[in-house]
Amino acid sequence: MRALTSIWSAGILFSILILLFGWSFSRECVPRGEVILFARRGQRPLDDSVYVVSVDGKCNKEIYKAEARRSFSGASARFLSELIVLNTLRTEESQVRVSEEVLLHRPKTGQWDMLKLASSRSSMASLSPDGSKIVYGTASFAGVSPSVRIVELGSGTESTISIPDGTMPSNGWIQFPVWRSDGQAVLALLLSRKGSAALSRLFVISLQTHSVTEYLNDESGISAACFSPTNGNILLLTPRGLELLDTENGAISLITPRSMFLNGRYSGGSLAWSRKSGLITLPLASGNSDEIWVLKGDGSNPKVIFRADNARLTSVSFASGMDN
């Protein structure tokens, strides 16, 4: 009887300990509210996966895992329960040829579609704020200059917006085109190389008039850029840190010195500014690790919310989580 009582008491104690300390481990982590989508690129070919992390860093989840012949190099979405645009790489059985593909996944219905693009992309395909279009960039090829392409998801029609003649280098490519919050303009960062030097030029393209405005040239040292969620101003990542460009008067103000990021190195992972919370996010490299940083819209309180060793983190963007 005493033995049974001891076993019963131990069972009660164990249950209490599970409730107190182990409950969080028994539930699956589901990033809720506003989240950050990003790609984790492995050290081997076709070893890229898409992750999501809550903006406070408390929950992260791999949502698209690399497969035997397909990897996921980036994603864009408004709501994770609705349409997700996936940038993928796929190899044939021979593994000689690797194809770039854009897939459309609707988790709520389980539907998958492949989006046919008119040109090979040099950038991630990004979903518009209203979910009706995607934008992607192309690189120069066989005498054809880089361009920005807009695809209407309803009809599949694709339009090309070219940069004016004389401004495109022969080895240029468009890096991470991003939407303005009203969906009526796209920001395109044109990158190229001159010897060992990396050059960058910043353009804003109106979707209503197809007019192209150049704001900054090769001397600016821009690594990444995105629109402010409240107006047409542009956030820049430069050697000095995060700077804000006033598109009305051309003034540039430093909001976060580079030293605040503990001298983390930028390796081409994009930059995003949330329309919902006003938070800013970007990936930076530190030693053998890559980190996802988040900070307030005024440039204050930068902090690391996710870290991965021996992997590159890229293609950051905001979305609403799995509870929406």
C-alpha atoms as a PDB file:
ATOM      1  CA  MET A   1       0.000   0.000   0.000  1.00  0.00           C
ATOM      2  CA  ARG A   2       2.849   2.352   0.925  1.00  0.00           C
ATOM      3  CA  ALA A   3       4.491   1.567  -2.449  1.00  0.00           C
ATOM      4  CA  LEU A   4       1.286   2.390  -4.324  1.00  0.00           C
ATOM      5  CA  THR A   5       0.940   5.655  -2.405  1.00  0.00           C
ATOM      6  CA  SER A   6       4.537   6.586  -3.302  1.00  0.00           C
ATOM      7  CA  ILE A   7       3.946   5.813  -6.988  1.00  0.00           C
ATOM      8  CA  TRP A   8       0.721   7.834  -6.938  1.00  0.00           C
ATOM      9  CA  SER A   9       2.464  10.797  -5.254  1.00  0.00           C
ATOM     10  CA  ALA A  10       5.334  10.637  -7.705  1.00  0.00           C
ATOM     11  CA  GLY A  11       2.878  10.625 -10.608  1.00  0.00           C
ATOM     12  CA  ILE A  12       1.103  13.694  -9.243  1.00  0.00           C
ATOM     13  CA  LEU A  13       4.436  15.483  -8.758  1.00  0.00           C
ATOM     14  CA  PHE A  14       5.539  14.572 -12.289  1.00  0.00           C
ATOM     15  CA  SER A  15       2.256  15.893 -13.729  1.00  0.00           C
ATOM     16  CA  ILE A  16       2.680  19.166 -11.838  1.00  0.00           C
ATOM     17  CA  LEU A  17       6.240  19.543 -13.147  1.00  0.00           C
ATOM     18  CA  ILE A  18       5.049  18.922 -16.708  1.00  0.00           C
ATOM     19  CA  LEU A  19       2.337  21.549 -16.308  1.00  0.00           C
ATOM     20  CA  LEU A  20       4.723  24.073 -14.818  1.00  0.00           C
ATOM     21  CA  PHE A  21       7.795  23.557 -16.973  1.00  0.00           C
ATOM     22  CA  GLY A  22       7.018  21.315 -19.886  1.00  0.00           C
ATOM     23  CA  TRP A  23       3.771  22.675 -21.293  1.00  0.00           C
ATOM     24  CA  SER A  24       5.503  24.900 -23.812  1.00  0.00           C
ATOM     25  CA  PHE A  25       7.410  21.882 -25.159  1.00  0.00           C
ATOM     26  CA  SER A  26       4.229  19.857 -25.617  1.00  0.00           C
ATOM     27  CA  ARG A  27       2.671  22.457 -27.880  1.00  0.00           C
ATOM     28  CA  GLU A  28       3.831  23.149 -31.405  1.00  0.00           C
ATOM     29  CA  CYS A  29       5.282  26.610 -31.817  1.00  0.00           C
ATOM     30  CA  VAL A  30       2.915  28.596 -34.057  1.00  0.00           C
ATOM     31  CA  PRO A  31       4.112  32.113 -34.950  1.00  0.00           C
ATOM     32  CA  ARG A  32       1.101  34.360 -34.465  1.00  0.00           C
ATOM     33  CA  GLY A  33       0.322  38.003 -35.083  1.00  0.00           C
ATOM     34  CA  GLU A  34       2.903  39.761 -37.227  1.00  0.00           C
ATOM     35  CA  VAL A  35       5.810  37.616 -38.389  1.00  0.00           C
ATOM     36  CA  ILE A  36       8.928  37.818 -40.538  1.00  0.00           C
ATOM     37  CA  LEU A  37       9.389  35.501 -43.498  1.00  0.00           C
ATOM     38  CA  PHE A  38      12.957  34.672 -44.524  1.00  0.00           C
ATOM     39  CA  ALA A  39      15.044  32.076 -46.314  1.00  0.00           C
ATOM     40  CA  ARG A  40      17.787  30.037 -44.689  1.00  0.00           C
ATOM     41  CA  ARG A  41      20.335  29.109 -47.318  1.00  0.00           C
ATOM     42  CA  GLY A  42      22.495  26.119 -46.557  1.00  0.00           C
ATOM     43  CA  GLN A  43      26.109  25.456 -47.446  1.00  0.00           C
ATOM     44  CA  ARG A  44      25.217  22.930 -50.159  1.00  0.00           C
ATOM     45  CA  PRO A  45      23.305  23.493 -53.426  1.00  0.00           C
ATOM     46  CA  LEU A  46      19.540  23.039 -53.168  1.00  0.00           C
ATOM     47  CA  ASP A  47      19.645  23.174 -49.383  1.00  0.00           C
ATOM     48  CA  ASP A  48      17.502  26.280 -48.905  1.00  0.00           C
ATOM     49  CA  SER A  49      14.377  26.457 -46.740  1.00  0.00           C
ATOM     50  CA  VAL A  50      11.823  29.109 -45.775  1.00  0.00           C
ATOM     51  CA  TYR A  51      11.294  30.009 -42.135  1.00  0.00           C
ATOM     52  CA  VAL A  52       8.982  32.287 -40.217  1.00  0.00           C
ATOM     53  CA  VAL A  53       9.775  34.005 -36.911  1.00  0.00           C
ATOM     54  CA  SER A  54       7.566  36.118 -34.669  1.00  0.00           C
ATOM     55  CA  VAL A  55       8.683  39.756 -34.440  1.00  0.00           C
ATOM     56  CA  ASP A  56       9.568  39.282 -30.764  1.00  0.00           C
ATOM     57  CA  GLY A  57      11.756  36.281 -31.635  1.00  0.00           C
ATOM     58  CA  LYS A  58       9.954  33.924 -29.231  1.00  0.00           C
ATOM     59  CA  CYS A  59       8.744  31.500 -31.886  1.00  0.00           C
ATOM     60  CA  ASN A  60      10.229  30.345 -35.192  1.00  0.00           C
ATOM     61  CA  LYS A  61       9.244  27.567 -37.563  1.00  0.00           C
ATOM     62  CA  GLU A  62      10.502  26.023 -40.791  1.00  0.00           C
ATOM     63  CA  ILE A  63       7.482  26.111 -43.112  1.00  0.00           C
ATOM     64  CA  TYR A  64       8.989  25.011 -46.451  1.00  0.00           C
ATOM     65  CA  LYS A  65      11.793  22.475 -46.159  1.00  0.00           C
ATOM     66  CA  ALA A  66      14.304  21.727 -48.912  1.00  0.00           C
ATOM     67  CA  GLU A  67      13.375  18.587 -50.845  1.00  0.00           C
ATOM     68  CA  ALA A  68      15.449  16.076 -52.816  1.00  0.00           C
ATOM     69  CA  ARG A  69      15.335  18.111 -56.044  1.00  0.00           C
ATOM     70  CA  ARG A  70      13.809  21.414 -54.955  1.00  0.00           C
ATOM     71  CA  SER A  71      14.820  24.135 -52.552  1.00  0.00           C
ATOM     72  CA  PHE A  72      13.010  27.280 -51.418  1.00  0.00           C
ATOM     73  CA  SER A  73      15.106  30.434 -51.751  1.00  0.00           C
ATOM     74  CA  GLY A  74      12.545  33.011 -50.645  1.00  0.00           C
ATOM     75  CA  ALA A  75       8.877  33.735 -49.957  1.00  0.00           C
ATOM     76  CA  SER A  76       6.439  36.637 -49.947  1.00  0.00           C
ATOM     77  CA  ALA A  77       2.927  36.834 -48.493  1.00  0.00           C
ATOM     78  CA  ARG A  78       0.313  39.076 -46.918  1.00  0.00           C
ATOM     79  CA  PHE A  79      -1.210  36.326 -44.754  1.00  0.00           C
ATOM     80  CA  LEU A  80       0.380  32.922 -44.187  1.00  0.00           C
ATOM     81  CA  SER A  81      -3.045  31.267 -44.406  1.00  0.00           C
ATOM     82  CA  GLU A  82      -3.692  32.677 -47.877  1.00  0.00           C
ATOM     83  CA  LEU A  83      -1.455  33.105 -50.940  1.00  0.00           C
ATOM     84  CA  ILE A  84       2.295  32.567 -50.516  1.00  0.00           C
ATOM     85  CA  VAL A  85       4.661  33.316 -53.393  1.00  0.00           C
ATOM     86  CA  LEU A  86       7.641  30.939 -53.287  1.00  0.00           C
ATOM     87  CA  ASN A  87      10.914  31.359 -55.142  1.00  0.00           C
ATOM     88  CA  THR A  88      12.384  27.928 -55.802  1.00  0.00           C
ATOM     89  CA  LEU A  89      15.271  26.151 -57.472  1.00  0.00           C
ATOM     90  CA  ARG A  90      14.671  22.735 -59.021  1.00  0.00           C
ATOM     91  CA  THR A  91      17.042  20.223 -60.554  1.00  0.00           C
ATOM     92  CA  GLU A  92      16.361  17.379 -62.956  1.00  0.00           C
ATOM     93  CA  GLU A  93      17.335  13.799 -62.165  1.00  0.00           C
ATOM     94  CA  SER A  94      20.645  14.314 -63.952  1.00  0.00           C
ATOM     95  CA  GLN A  95      21.294  17.292 -61.625  1.00  0.00           C
ATOM     96  CA  VAL A  96      23.042  19.026 -64.516  1.00  0.00           C
ATOM     97  CA  ARG A  97      20.470  21.756 -65.050  1.00  0.00           C
ATOM     98  CA  VAL A  98      18.959  23.892 -62.301  1.00  0.00           C
ATOM     99  CA  SER A  99      15.725  25.743 -63.074  1.00  0.00           C
ATOM    100  CA  GLU A 100      14.303  28.798 -61.337  1.00  0.00           C
ATOM    101  CA  GLU A 101      10.588  28.559 -60.633  1.00  0.00           C
ATOM    102  CA  VAL A 102       7.959  30.644 -58.876  1.00  0.00           C
ATOM    103  CA  LEU A 103       5.247  28.626 -57.111  1.00  0.00           C
ATOM    104  CA  LEU A 104       1.957  29.910 -55.709  1.00  0.00           C
ATOM    105  CA  HIS A 105       0.732  28.081 -52.618  1.00  0.00           C
ATOM    106  CA  ARG A 106      -2.621  28.590 -50.932  1.00  0.00           C
ATOM    107  CA  PRO A 107      -2.339  26.778 -47.568  1.00  0.00           C
ATOM    108  CA  LYS A 108      -6.019  27.174 -46.737  1.00  0.00           C
ATOM    109  CA  THR A 109      -7.082  25.091 -49.746  1.00  0.00           C
ATOM    110  CA  GLY A 110      -3.849  23.169 -50.328  1.00  0.00           C
ATOM    111  CA  GLN A 111      -3.671  24.432 -53.921  1.00  0.00           C
ATOM    112  CA  TRP A 112      -0.310  24.679 -55.726  1.00  0.00           C
ATOM    113  CA  ASP A 113       0.311  26.472 -59.032  1.00  0.00           C
ATOM    114  CA  MET A 114       3.416  27.258 -61.041  1.00  0.00           C
ATOM    115  CA  LEU A 115       3.716  30.821 -62.333  1.00  0.00           C
ATOM    116  CA  LYS A 116       5.144  31.076 -65.847  1.00  0.00           C
ATOM    117  CA  LEU A 117       7.544  33.988 -66.158  1.00  0.00           C
ATOM    118  CA  ALA A 118       8.576  35.555 -69.447  1.00  0.00           C
ATOM    119  CA  SER A 119      12.183  35.996 -68.376  1.00  0.00           C
ATOM    120  CA  SER A 120      14.746  34.513 -66.014  1.00  0.00           C
ATOM    121  CA  ARG A 121      14.650  36.443 -62.765  1.00  0.00           C
ATOM    122  CA  SER A 122      17.634  37.942 -60.963  1.00  0.00           C
ATOM    123  CA  SER A 123      15.658  38.775 -57.826  1.00  0.00           C
ATOM    124  CA  MET A 124      13.030  37.318 -55.565  1.00  0.00           C
ATOM    125  CA  ALA A 125       9.425  37.627 -56.775  1.00  0.00           C
ATOM    126  CA  SER A 126       7.462  39.794 -54.337  1.00  0.00           C
ATOM    127  CA  LEU A 127       3.689  39.941 -53.772  1.00  0.00           C
ATOM    128  CA  SER A 128       1.953  43.333 -54.040  1.00  0.00           C
ATOM    129  CA  PRO A 129       0.210  44.882 -50.992  1.00  0.00           C
ATOM    130  CA  ASP A 130      -3.233  43.952 -52.368  1.00  0.00           C
ATOM    131  CA  GLY A 131      -2.162  40.432 -53.364  1.00  0.00           C
ATOM    132  CA  SER A 132      -3.023  40.860 -57.067  1.00  0.00           C
ATOM    133  CA  LYS A 133       0.449  41.139 -58.628  1.00  0.00           C
ATOM    134  CA  ILE A 134       4.060  40.160 -58.231  1.00  0.00           C
ATOM    135  CA  VAL A 135       7.199  42.065 -59.159  1.00  0.00           C
ATOM    136  CA  TYR A 136      10.594  40.629 -60.017  1.00  0.00           C
ATOM    137  CA  GLY A 137      13.812  41.926 -61.535  1.00  0.00           C
ATOM    138  CA  THR A 138      15.965  40.675 -64.395  1.00  0.00           C
ATOM    139  CA  ALA A 139      19.692  40.860 -65.107  1.00  0.00           C
ATOM    140  CA  SER A 140      21.415  42.017 -68.280  1.00  0.00           C
ATOM    141  CA  PHE A 141      21.764  39.208 -70.781  1.00  0.00           C
ATOM    142  CA  ALA A 142      22.874  39.039 -74.418  1.00  0.00           C
ATOM    143  CA  GLY A 143      22.710  42.810 -74.820  1.00  0.00           C
ATOM    144  CA  VAL A 144      19.323  43.158 -73.098  1.00  0.00           C
ATOM    145  CA  SER A 145      19.327  45.577 -70.178  1.00  0.00           C
ATOM    146  CA  PRO A 146      17.972  44.656 -66.736  1.00  0.00           C
ATOM    147  CA  SER A 147      14.320  45.432 -66.164  1.00  0.00           C
ATOM    148  CA  VAL A 148      11.470  45.257 -63.678  1.00  0.00           C
ATOM    149  CA  ARG A 149       8.614  42.871 -64.555  1.00  0.00           C
ATOM    150  CA  ILE A 150       5.055  43.105 -63.203  1.00  0.00           C
ATOM    151  CA  VAL A 151       2.827  40.004 -63.403  1.00  0.00           C
ATOM    152  CA  GLU A 152      -0.969  40.191 -62.971  1.00  0.00           C
ATOM    153  CA  LEU A 153      -1.881  37.026 -61.065  1.00  0.00           C
ATOM    154  CA  GLY A 154      -5.481  37.013 -62.270  1.00  0.00           C
ATOM    155  CA  SER A 155      -4.729  37.070 -66.003  1.00  0.00           C
ATOM    156  CA  GLY A 156      -1.074  36.038 -66.053  1.00  0.00           C
ATOM    157  CA  THR A 157      -0.184  39.028 -68.219  1.00  0.00           C
ATOM    158  CA  GLU A 158       3.306  40.405 -67.732  1.00  0.00           C
ATOM    159  CA  SER A 159       4.564  43.920 -68.388  1.00  0.00           C
ATOM    160  CA  THR A 160       8.130  45.162 -68.641  1.00  0.00           C
ATOM    161  CA  ILE A 161       9.354  48.472 -67.297  1.00  0.00           C
ATOM    162  CA  SER A 162      12.775  49.373 -68.602  1.00  0.00           C
ATOM    163  CA  ILE A 163      15.259  51.818 -67.180  1.00  0.00           C
ATOM    164  CA  PRO A 164      16.051  54.682 -69.634  1.00  0.00           C
ATOM    165  CA  ASP A 165      18.815  53.993 -72.146  1.00  0.00           C
ATOM    166  CA  GLY A 166      22.319  54.911 -71.094  1.00  0.00           C
ATOM    167  CA  THR A 167      21.896  54.209 -67.400  1.00  0.00           C
ATOM    168  CA  MET A 168      22.211  50.423 -67.406  1.00  0.00           C
ATOM    169  CA  PRO A 169      25.624  48.754 -67.129  1.00  0.00           C
ATOM    170  CA  SER A 170      26.251  45.676 -69.243  1.00  0.00           C
ATOM    171  CA  ASN A 171      26.653  43.507 -66.123  1.00  0.00           C
ATOM    172  CA  GLY A 172      23.833  44.916 -64.000  1.00  0.00           C
ATOM    173  CA  TRP A 173      21.022  43.165 -62.158  1.00  0.00           C
ATOM    174  CA  ILE A 174      17.975  44.254 -60.167  1.00  0.00           C
ATOM    175  CA  GLN A 175      18.187  43.396 -56.471  1.00  0.00           C
ATOM    176  CA  PHE A 176      15.016  42.810 -54.392  1.00  0.00           C
ATOM    177  CA  PRO A 177      12.444  45.163 -56.001  1.00  0.00           C
ATOM    178  CA  VAL A 178       9.955  46.238 -53.321  1.00  0.00           C
ATOM    179  CA  TRP A 179       6.468  47.726 -53.356  1.00  0.00           C
ATOM    180  CA  ARG A 180       5.333  51.058 -52.001  1.00  0.00           C
ATOM    181  CA  SER A 181       2.553  50.629 -49.435  1.00  0.00           C
ATOM    182  CA  ASP A 182      -0.139  51.841 -51.873  1.00  0.00           C
ATOM    183  CA  GLY A 183       1.003  49.375 -54.556  1.00  0.00           C
ATOM    184  CA  GLN A 184       1.407  52.165 -57.125  1.00  0.00           C
ATOM    185  CA  ALA A 185       5.200  52.266 -57.261  1.00  0.00           C
ATOM    186  CA  VAL A 186       8.162  49.912 -57.078  1.00  0.00           C
ATOM    187  CA  LEU A 187      11.636  50.604 -55.774  1.00  0.00           C
ATOM    188  CA  ALA A 188      14.448  48.969 -57.765  1.00  0.00           C
ATOM    189  CA  LEU A 189      18.069  48.811 -56.659  1.00  0.00           C
ATOM    190  CA  LEU A 190      20.339  48.280 -59.651  1.00  0.00           C
ATOM    191  CA  LEU A 191      23.634  46.605 -58.774  1.00  0.00           C
ATOM    192  CA  SER A 192      26.677  46.117 -60.987  1.00  0.00           C
ATOM    193  CA  ARG A 193      30.433  45.654 -60.758  1.00  0.00           C
ATOM    194  CA  LYS A 194      33.316  47.750 -62.008  1.00  0.00           C
ATOM    195  CA  GLY A 195      36.437  45.697 -61.433  1.00  0.00           C
ATOM    196  CA  SER A 196      36.305  44.708 -57.765  1.00  0.00           C
ATOM    197  CA  ALA A 197      34.019  47.611 -56.832  1.00  0.00           C
ATOM    198  CA  ALA A 198      30.270  47.098 -56.304  1.00  0.00           C
ATOM    199  CA  LEU A 199      28.123  49.894 -57.720  1.00  0.00           C
ATOM    200  CA  SER A 200      24.488  50.697 -56.936  1.00  0.00           C
ATOM    201  CA  ARG A 201      21.828  52.995 -58.359  1.00  0.00           C
ATOM    202  CA  LEU A 202      18.377  53.605 -56.919  1.00  0.00           C
ATOM    203  CA  PHE A 203      15.236  53.968 -59.066  1.00  0.00           C
ATOM    204  CA  VAL A 204      11.542  54.446 -58.294  1.00  0.00           C
ATOM    205  CA  ILE A 205       9.122  53.254 -60.967  1.00  0.00           C
ATOM    206  CA  SER A 206       5.530  54.469 -61.188  1.00  0.00           C
ATOM    207  CA  LEU A 207       3.096  51.734 -62.200  1.00  0.00           C
ATOM    208  CA  GLN A 208       0.543  54.302 -63.355  1.00  0.00           C
ATOM    209  CA  THR A 209       2.782  56.179 -65.807  1.00  0.00           C
ATOM    210  CA  HIS A 210       5.722  53.727 -66.115  1.00  0.00           C
ATOM    211  CA  SER A 211       7.972  56.722 -65.459  1.00  0.00           C
ATOM    212  CA  VAL A 212      11.378  55.993 -63.910  1.00  0.00           C
ATOM    213  CA  THR A 213      13.069  58.369 -61.453  1.00  0.00           C
ATOM    214  CA  GLU A 214      16.679  57.926 -60.387  1.00  0.00           C
ATOM    215  CA  TYR A 215      17.436  59.116 -56.866  1.00  0.00           C
ATOM    216  CA  LEU A 216      20.979  58.031 -56.021  1.00  0.00           C
ATOM    217  CA  ASN A 217      23.925  57.007 -58.158  1.00  0.00           C
ATOM    218  CA  ASP A 218      26.976  54.775 -57.979  1.00  0.00           C
ATOM    219  CA  GLU A 219      28.711  56.853 -55.311  1.00  0.00           C
ATOM    220  CA  SER A 220      26.046  56.289 -52.649  1.00  0.00           C
ATOM    221  CA  GLY A 221      27.154  52.801 -51.562  1.00  0.00           C
ATOM    222  CA  ILE A 222      23.609  51.486 -51.061  1.00  0.00           C
ATOM    223  CA  SER A 223      23.363  47.811 -50.107  1.00  0.00           C
ATOM    224  CA  ALA A 224      19.582  47.579 -49.653  1.00  0.00           C
ATOM    225  CA  ALA A 225      16.519  49.836 -49.701  1.00  0.00           C
ATOM    226  CA  CYS A 226      12.777  49.874 -49.048  1.00  0.00           C
ATOM    227  CA  PHE A 227       9.913  52.362 -48.831  1.00  0.00           C
ATOM    228  CA  SER A 228       8.643  53.958 -45.647  1.00  0.00           C
ATOM    229  CA  PRO A 229       5.203  52.463 -44.885  1.00  0.00           C
ATOM    230  CA  THR A 230       3.636  55.901 -44.322  1.00  0.00           C
ATOM    231  CA  ASN A 231       4.959  57.960 -47.250  1.00  0.00           C
ATOM    232  CA  GLY A 232       7.198  57.778 -50.290  1.00  0.00           C
ATOM    233  CA  ASN A 233      10.446  58.248 -48.376  1.00  0.00           C
ATOM    234  CA  ILE A 234      13.089  55.539 -48.726  1.00  0.00           C
ATOM    235  CA  LEU A 235      15.082  53.673 -46.087  1.00  0.00           C
ATOM    236  CA  LEU A 236      18.670  52.926 -47.125  1.00  0.00           C
ATOM    237  CA  LEU A 237      21.348  50.616 -45.797  1.00  0.00           C
ATOM    238  CA  THR A 238      24.714  52.247 -46.476  1.00  0.00           C
ATOM    239  CA  PRO A 239      28.246  51.959 -45.047  1.00  0.00           C
ATOM    240  CA  ARG A 240      27.162  54.547 -42.441  1.00  0.00           C
ATOM    241  CA  GLY A 241      24.144  52.562 -41.239  1.00  0.00           C
ATOM    242  CA  LEU A 242      20.410  53.008 -41.822  1.00  0.00           C
ATOM    243  CA  GLU A 243      19.585  56.316 -43.474  1.00  0.00           C
ATOM    244  CA  LEU A 244      16.276  57.880 -44.507  1.00  0.00           C
ATOM    245  CA  LEU A 245      15.983  59.606 -47.894  1.00  0.00           C
ATOM    246  CA  ASP A 246      13.363  62.366 -48.185  1.00  0.00           C
ATOM    247  CA  THR A 247      12.166  61.958 -51.764  1.00  0.00           C
ATOM    248  CA  GLU A 248      10.736  65.498 -51.806  1.00  0.00           C
ATOM    249  CA  ASN A 249      13.920  67.446 -51.108  1.00  0.00           C
ATOM    250  CA  GLY A 250      16.647  64.799 -51.410  1.00  0.00           C
ATOM    251  CA  ALA A 251      17.810  65.189 -47.803  1.00  0.00           C
ATOM    252  CA  ILE A 252      19.330  62.111 -46.158  1.00  0.00           C
ATOM    253  CA  SER A 253      19.355  61.611 -42.377  1.00  0.00           C
ATOM    254  CA  LEU A 254      21.095  58.881 -40.381  1.00  0.00           C
ATOM    255  CA  ILE A 255      18.672  57.051 -38.066  1.00  0.00           C
ATOM    256  CA  THR A 256      20.804  54.080 -36.944  1.00  0.00           C
ATOM    257  CA  PRO A 257      24.628  54.199 -37.011  1.00  0.00           C
ATOM    258  CA  ARG A 258      26.310  51.039 -38.281  1.00  0.00           C
ATOM    259  CA  SER A 259      27.987  50.588 -34.884  1.00  0.00           C
ATOM    260  CA  MET A 260      24.557  49.860 -33.331  1.00  0.00           C
ATOM    261  CA  PHE A 261      24.520  46.586 -35.278  1.00  0.00           C
ATOM    262  CA  LEU A 262      27.799  45.537 -33.635  1.00  0.00           C
ATOM    263  CA  ASN A 263      29.503  45.896 -37.042  1.00  0.00           C
ATOM    264  CA  GLY A 264      27.442  43.079 -38.545  1.00  0.00           C
ATOM    265  CA  ARG A 265      28.139  42.589 -42.257  1.00  0.00           C
ATOM    266  CA  TYR A 266      25.397  42.854 -44.854  1.00  0.00           C
ATOM    267  CA  SER A 267      25.509  40.070 -47.447  1.00  0.00           C
ATOM    268  CA  GLY A 268      22.592  40.864 -49.732  1.00  0.00           C
ATOM    269  CA  GLY A 269      19.662  39.781 -47.619  1.00  0.00           C
ATOM    270  CA  SER A 270      17.176  42.622 -48.289  1.00  0.00           C
ATOM    271  CA  LEU A 271      15.509  45.167 -46.001  1.00  0.00           C
ATOM    272  CA  ALA A 272      11.843  45.500 -44.951  1.00  0.00           C
ATOM    273  CA  TRP A 273       9.696  48.060 -43.109  1.00  0.00           C
ATOM    274  CA  SER A 274       6.338  46.874 -41.755  1.00  0.00           C
ATOM    275  CA  ARG A 275       3.125  48.621 -42.776  1.00  0.00           C
ATOM    276  CA  LYS A 276       1.408  47.138 -39.706  1.00  0.00           C
ATOM    277  CA  SER A 277       3.749  47.692 -36.757  1.00  0.00           C
ATOM    278  CA  GLY A 278       6.282  50.139 -38.188  1.00  0.00           C
ATOM    279  CA  LEU A 279       9.147  47.770 -37.325  1.00  0.00           C
ATOM    280  CA  ILE A 280      12.225  47.427 -39.544  1.00  0.00           C
ATOM    281  CA  THR A 281      14.046  44.147 -40.182  1.00  0.00           C
ATOM    282  CA  LEU A 282      17.243  43.120 -41.952  1.00  0.00           C
ATOM    283  CA  PRO A 283      19.670  40.190 -41.882  1.00  0.00           C
ATOM    284  CA  LEU A 284      23.353  40.688 -41.019  1.00  0.00           C
ATOM    285  CA  ALA A 285      26.321  38.349 -40.787  1.00  0.00           C
ATOM    286  CA  SER A 286      28.432  38.079 -37.638  1.00  0.00           C
ATOM    287  CA  GLY A 287      31.373  35.688 -37.676  1.00  0.00           C
ATOM    288  CA  ASN A 288      30.105  32.281 -38.820  1.00  0.00           C
ATOM    289  CA  SER A 289      26.505  33.208 -38.015  1.00  0.00           C
ATOM    290  CA  ASP A 290      23.763  35.140 -39.760  1.00  0.00           C
ATOM    291  CA  GLU A 291      21.247  37.084 -37.687  1.00  0.00           C
ATOM    292  CA  ILE A 292      17.793  38.606 -38.187  1.00  0.00           C
ATOM    293  CA  TRP A 293      17.678  42.071 -36.624  1.00  0.00           C
ATOM    294  CA  VAL A 294      14.554  44.051 -35.701  1.00  0.00           C
ATOM    295  CA  LEU A 295      14.344  47.701 -34.663  1.00  0.00           C
ATOM    296  CA  LYS A 296      11.747  50.415 -34.241  1.00  0.00           C
ATOM    297  CA  GLY A 297      10.757  52.692 -37.111  1.00  0.00           C
ATOM    298  CA  ASP A 298      12.734  55.599 -35.665  1.00  0.00           C
ATOM    299  CA  GLY A 299      15.894  53.493 -35.791  1.00  0.00           C
ATOM    300  CA  SER A 300      16.054  52.798 -32.059  1.00  0.00           C
ATOM    301  CA  ASN A 301      16.287  49.604 -30.012  1.00  0.00           C
ATOM    302  CA  PRO A 302      17.969  47.274 -32.544  1.00  0.00           C
ATOM    303  CA  LYS A 303      18.086  43.651 -31.384  1.00  0.00           C
ATOM    304  CA  VAL A 304      18.704  40.140 -32.723  1.00  0.00           C
ATOM    305  CA  ILE A 305      15.635  37.859 -32.797  1.00  0.00           C
ATOM    306  CA  PHE A 306      17.024  34.883 -34.751  1.00  0.00           C
ATOM    307  CA  ARG A 307      20.476  33.428 -35.347  1.00  0.00           C
ATOM    308  CA  ALA A 308      21.705  30.587 -37.575  1.00  0.00           C
ATOM    309  CA  ASP A 309      25.226  29.133 -37.752  1.00  0.00           C
ATOM    310  CA  ASN A 310      26.889  28.254 -41.050  1.00  0.00           C
ATOM    311  CA  ALA A 311      23.933  29.485 -43.094  1.00  0.00           C
ATOM    312  CA  ARG A 312      22.940  32.623 -44.934  1.00  0.00           C
ATOM    313  CA  LEU A 313      19.690  34.364 -44.001  1.00  0.00           C
ATOM    314  CA  THR A 314      18.044  36.374 -46.758  1.00  0.00           C
ATOM    315  CA  SER A 315      14.792  37.552 -48.390  1.00  0.00           C
ATOM    316  CA  VAL A 316      13.210  39.093 -45.285  1.00  0.00           C
ATOM    317  CA  SER A 317       9.630  40.400 -45.426  1.00  0.00           C
ATOM    318  CA  PHE A 318       6.682  40.955 -43.069  1.00  0.00           C
ATOM    319  CA  ALA A 319       3.403  39.029 -43.092  1.00  0.00           C
ATOM    320  CA  SER A 320       0.486  38.189 -40.818  1.00  0.00           C
ATOM    321  CA  GLY A 321       0.938  34.887 -39.005  1.00  0.00           C
ATOM    322  CA  MET A 322      -0.730  31.516 -39.055  1.00  0.00           C
ATOM    323  CA  ASP A 323      -3.630  32.597 -36.851  1.00  0.00           C
ATOM    324  CA  ASN A 324      -4.978  35.024 -39.498  1.00  0.00           C
END
